[in-house]
Amino acid sequence: MDYDPSDSVRICSEENGPQEEFTPTIRLIIIFVYSITSISAFIGNIIVIIVYANNYRKTKLRAFLINLSIADILNGCLCIPFGYTEDLYGKWTFPLIICPIAQFFQYLSVFVTALTLTLISIER
C-alpha cells in the first residue's frame, strides 16, 4: 500500500456522520464526561510532575514517570478534545490545517506512552 500524504486531509474533510443522532441531553453528558476526563488528566499529571520533579532521588524510574506524565498531558489536552468532537458531530469541525497536527500528536502520545511503559518494564 502506497502512502498518500493527502490521506489525512481527506479523512478530515469526509463527513461520515455520527453513528446515531444524539439528543441534546446526551450530547451535554458526553461533553461533560470528556471535559472532566481531559481536565483531570491534566491536573493529575501536573501533580505527578511536581511531586517527582521535587524528589531528591535521581532515578531512571523518576525520569520515566515524568515522561509518561508529559505524554498523558499531551493526550489529555491535544487528543481527547479533537477526538470526541469529531466523534460527536461525525465530521471534522476545526480548520483543516489542524487535522494532520492533531493526528500527529495522537500518534506521538500513544507511541511515547507505549515506549515509556516498555522501558519501565525493561528497567525493572
C-alpha atoms as a PDB file:
ATOM      1  CA  MET A   1       0.000   0.000   0.000  1.00  0.00           C
ATOM      2  CA  ASP A   2       1.413   3.364  -1.007  1.00  0.00           C
ATOM      3  CA  TYR A   3       1.432   6.322   1.305  1.00  0.00           C
ATOM      4  CA  ASP A   4      -0.557   9.304   0.130  1.00  0.00           C
ATOM      5  CA  PRO A   5       0.125  12.490   2.143  1.00  0.00           C
ATOM      6  CA  SER A   6      -3.319  13.812   1.292  1.00  0.00           C
ATOM      7  CA  ASP A   7      -4.970  10.928   3.198  1.00  0.00           C
ATOM      8  CA  SER A   8      -5.081  12.861   6.459  1.00  0.00           C
ATOM      9  CA  VAL A   9      -6.742  15.849   4.796  1.00  0.00           C
ATOM     10  CA  ARG A  10      -9.189  13.555   3.011  1.00  0.00           C
ATOM     11  CA  ILE A  11     -10.072  11.831   6.294  1.00  0.00           C
ATOM     12  CA  CYS A  12     -10.680  15.166   7.977  1.00  0.00           C
ATOM     13  CA  SER A  13     -12.830  16.514   5.179  1.00  0.00           C
ATOM     14  CA  GLU A  14     -15.039  13.438   4.849  1.00  0.00           C
ATOM     15  CA  GLU A  15     -18.377  13.670   6.529  1.00  0.00           C
ATOM     16  CA  ASN A  16     -19.016  10.267   7.992  1.00  0.00           C
ATOM     17  CA  GLY A  17     -21.935  11.409  10.064  1.00  0.00           C
ATOM     18  CA  PRO A  18     -22.484  10.264  13.612  1.00  0.00           C
ATOM     19  CA  GLN A  19     -23.446   6.632  14.071  1.00  0.00           C
ATOM     20  CA  GLU A  20     -26.625   7.828  15.690  1.00  0.00           C
ATOM     21  CA  GLU A  21     -28.096  11.214  16.365  1.00  0.00           C
ATOM     22  CA  PHE A  22     -27.565  12.294  19.927  1.00  0.00           C
ATOM     23  CA  THR A  23     -30.230  14.165  21.813  1.00  0.00           C
ATOM     24  CA  PRO A  24     -29.117  17.489  23.283  1.00  0.00           C
ATOM     25  CA  THR A  25     -29.121  15.967  26.781  1.00  0.00           C
ATOM     26  CA  ILE A  26     -26.914  13.043  25.750  1.00  0.00           C
ATOM     27  CA  ARG A  27     -24.648  15.449  23.861  1.00  0.00           C
ATOM     28  CA  LEU A  28     -24.203  17.578  27.008  1.00  0.00           C
ATOM     29  CA  ILE A  29     -23.467  14.484  29.099  1.00  0.00           C
ATOM     30  CA  ILE A  30     -20.829  13.340  26.584  1.00  0.00           C
ATOM     31  CA  ILE A  31     -19.230  16.796  26.522  1.00  0.00           C
ATOM     32  CA  PHE A  32     -19.239  16.920  30.336  1.00  0.00           C
ATOM     33  CA  VAL A  33     -17.680  13.460  30.761  1.00  0.00           C
ATOM     34  CA  TYR A  34     -14.955  14.065  28.174  1.00  0.00           C
ATOM     35  CA  SER A  35     -14.217  17.514  29.601  1.00  0.00           C
ATOM     36  CA  ILE A  36     -13.852  16.107  33.115  1.00  0.00           C
ATOM     37  CA  THR A  37     -11.583  13.376  31.736  1.00  0.00           C
ATOM     38  CA  SER A  38      -9.374  15.894  29.962  1.00  0.00           C
ATOM     39  CA  ILE A  39      -9.199  18.282  32.917  1.00  0.00           C
ATOM     40  CA  SER A  40      -8.471  15.528  35.443  1.00  0.00           C
ATOM     41  CA  ALA A  41      -5.764  14.085  33.174  1.00  0.00           C
ATOM     42  CA  PHE A  42      -4.113  17.493  33.047  1.00  0.00           C
ATOM     43  CA  ILE A  43      -4.350  18.238  36.776  1.00  0.00           C
ATOM     44  CA  GLY A  44      -3.377  14.733  37.894  1.00  0.00           C
ATOM     45  CA  ASN A  45      -0.329  14.573  35.671  1.00  0.00           C
ATOM     46  CA  ILE A  46       0.797  18.081  36.661  1.00  0.00           C
ATOM     47  CA  ILE A  47       0.702  16.897  40.288  1.00  0.00           C
ATOM     48  CA  VAL A  48       2.777  13.835  39.366  1.00  0.00           C
ATOM     49  CA  ILE A  49       5.327  16.036  37.584  1.00  0.00           C
ATOM     50  CA  ILE A  50       5.553  18.418  40.546  1.00  0.00           C
ATOM     51  CA  VAL A  51       5.999  15.578  43.049  1.00  0.00           C
ATOM     52  CA  TYR A  52       8.643  13.764  41.015  1.00  0.00           C
ATOM     53  CA  ALA A  53      10.436  16.957  39.947  1.00  0.00           C
ATOM     54  CA  ASN A  54      10.873  17.900  43.606  1.00  0.00           C
ATOM     55  CA  ASN A  55      12.018  14.408  44.557  1.00  0.00           C
ATOM     56  CA  TYR A  56      15.667  14.488  45.563  1.00  0.00           C
ATOM     57  CA  ARG A  57      16.485  10.989  44.299  1.00  0.00           C
ATOM     58  CA  LYS A  58      17.624  10.880  40.695  1.00  0.00           C
ATOM     59  CA  THR A  59      16.467   7.523  39.411  1.00  0.00           C
ATOM     60  CA  LYS A  60      15.606   6.210  35.975  1.00  0.00           C
ATOM     61  CA  LEU A  61      12.091   5.423  37.138  1.00  0.00           C
ATOM     62  CA  ARG A  62      11.593   9.059  38.143  1.00  0.00           C
ATOM     63  CA  ALA A  63      12.547  10.218  34.651  1.00  0.00           C
ATOM     64  CA  PHE A  64      10.303   7.605  33.048  1.00  0.00           C
ATOM     65  CA  LEU A  65       7.312   8.592  35.177  1.00  0.00           C
ATOM     66  CA  ILE A  66       7.773  12.278  34.376  1.00  0.00           C
ATOM     67  CA  ASN A  67       8.000  11.356  30.688  1.00  0.00           C
ATOM     68  CA  LEU A  68       4.835   9.264  30.983  1.00  0.00           C
ATOM     69  CA  SER A  69       3.030  12.164  32.657  1.00  0.00           C
ATOM     70  CA  ILE A  70       4.037  14.540  29.871  1.00  0.00           C
ATOM     71  CA  ALA A  71       2.744  12.069  27.272  1.00  0.00           C
ATOM     72  CA  ASP A  72      -0.544  11.773  29.190  1.00  0.00           C
ATOM     73  CA  ILE A  73      -0.885  15.561  29.340  1.00  0.00           C
ATOM     74  CA  LEU A  74      -0.304  15.652  25.599  1.00  0.00           C
ATOM     75  CA  ASN A  75      -3.006  13.042  25.128  1.00  0.00           C
ATOM     76  CA  GLY A  76      -5.473  14.664  27.502  1.00  0.00           C
ATOM     77  CA  CYS A  77      -5.128  18.190  26.170  1.00  0.00           C
ATOM     78  CA  LEU A  78      -4.420  17.736  22.477  1.00  0.00           C
ATOM     79  CA  CYS A  79      -6.028  14.431  21.541  1.00  0.00           C
ATOM     80  CA  ILE A  80      -9.179  13.947  23.594  1.00  0.00           C
ATOM     81  CA  PRO A  81     -10.876  17.258  22.658  1.00  0.00           C
ATOM     82  CA  PHE A  82     -10.353  16.771  18.927  1.00  0.00           C
ATOM     83  CA  GLY A  83     -11.287  13.098  19.025  1.00  0.00           C
ATOM     84  CA  TYR A  84     -14.549  13.405  20.890  1.00  0.00           C
ATOM     85  CA  THR A  85     -15.635  16.462  18.910  1.00  0.00           C
ATOM     86  CA  GLU A  86     -15.154  14.555  15.675  1.00  0.00           C
ATOM     87  CA  ASP A  87     -17.000  11.538  17.101  1.00  0.00           C
ATOM     88  CA  LEU A  88     -19.807  13.681  18.461  1.00  0.00           C
ATOM     89  CA  TYR A  89     -20.507  15.604  15.271  1.00  0.00           C
ATOM     90  CA  GLY A  90     -19.450  12.937  12.771  1.00  0.00           C
ATOM     91  CA  LYS A  91     -17.157  15.298  10.884  1.00  0.00           C
ATOM     92  CA  TRP A  92     -14.090  17.434  11.385  1.00  0.00           C
ATOM     93  CA  THR A  93     -15.346  20.805  12.641  1.00  0.00           C
ATOM     94  CA  PHE A  94     -11.975  22.520  13.043  1.00  0.00           C
ATOM     95  CA  PRO A  95      -9.831  24.141  10.354  1.00  0.00           C
ATOM     96  CA  LEU A  96      -8.277  21.526   8.051  1.00  0.00           C
ATOM     97  CA  ILE A  97      -4.729  22.620   8.916  1.00  0.00           C
ATOM     98  CA  ILE A  98      -5.254  21.381  12.489  1.00  0.00           C
ATOM     99  CA  CYS A  99      -6.263  17.855  11.416  1.00  0.00           C
ATOM    100  CA  PRO A 100      -2.811  16.473  10.480  1.00  0.00           C
ATOM    101  CA  ILE A 101      -1.300  18.218  13.503  1.00  0.00           C
ATOM    102  CA  ALA A 102      -3.875  16.628  15.839  1.00  0.00           C
ATOM    103  CA  GLN A 103      -3.321  13.229  14.228  1.00  0.00           C
ATOM    104  CA  PHE A 104       0.432  13.610  14.655  1.00  0.00           C
ATOM    105  CA  PHE A 105       0.052  14.359  18.370  1.00  0.00           C
ATOM    106  CA  GLN A 106      -2.355  11.437  18.800  1.00  0.00           C
ATOM    107  CA  TYR A 107       0.141   9.004  17.297  1.00  0.00           C
ATOM    108  CA  LEU A 108       3.041  10.651  19.132  1.00  0.00           C
ATOM    109  CA  SER A 109       1.408  10.415  22.542  1.00  0.00           C
ATOM    110  CA  VAL A 110       0.450   6.765  22.027  1.00  0.00           C
ATOM    111  CA  PHE A 111       3.972   5.927  20.820  1.00  0.00           C
ATOM    112  CA  VAL A 112       5.672   7.751  23.699  1.00  0.00           C
ATOM    113  CA  THR A 113       3.352   6.118  26.247  1.00  0.00           C
ATOM    114  CA  ALA A 114       3.951   2.615  24.855  1.00  0.00           C
ATOM    115  CA  LEU A 115       7.703   3.149  24.595  1.00  0.00           C
ATOM    116  CA  THR A 116       7.946   4.579  28.116  1.00  0.00           C
ATOM    117  CA  LEU A 117       5.969   1.690  29.595  1.00  0.00           C
ATOM    118  CA  THR A 118       8.230  -0.740  27.713  1.00  0.00           C
ATOM    119  CA  LEU A 119      11.336   0.967  29.077  1.00  0.00           C
ATOM    120  CA  ILE A 120       9.924   0.930  32.603  1.00  0.00           C
ATOM    121  CA  SER A 121       9.293  -2.805  32.362  1.00  0.00           C
ATOM    122  CA  ILE A 122      12.778  -3.455  30.962  1.00  0.00           C
ATOM    123  CA  GLU A 123      14.409  -1.317  33.638  1.00  0.00           C
ATOM    124  CA  ARG A 124      12.526  -3.119  36.412  1.00  0.00           C
END
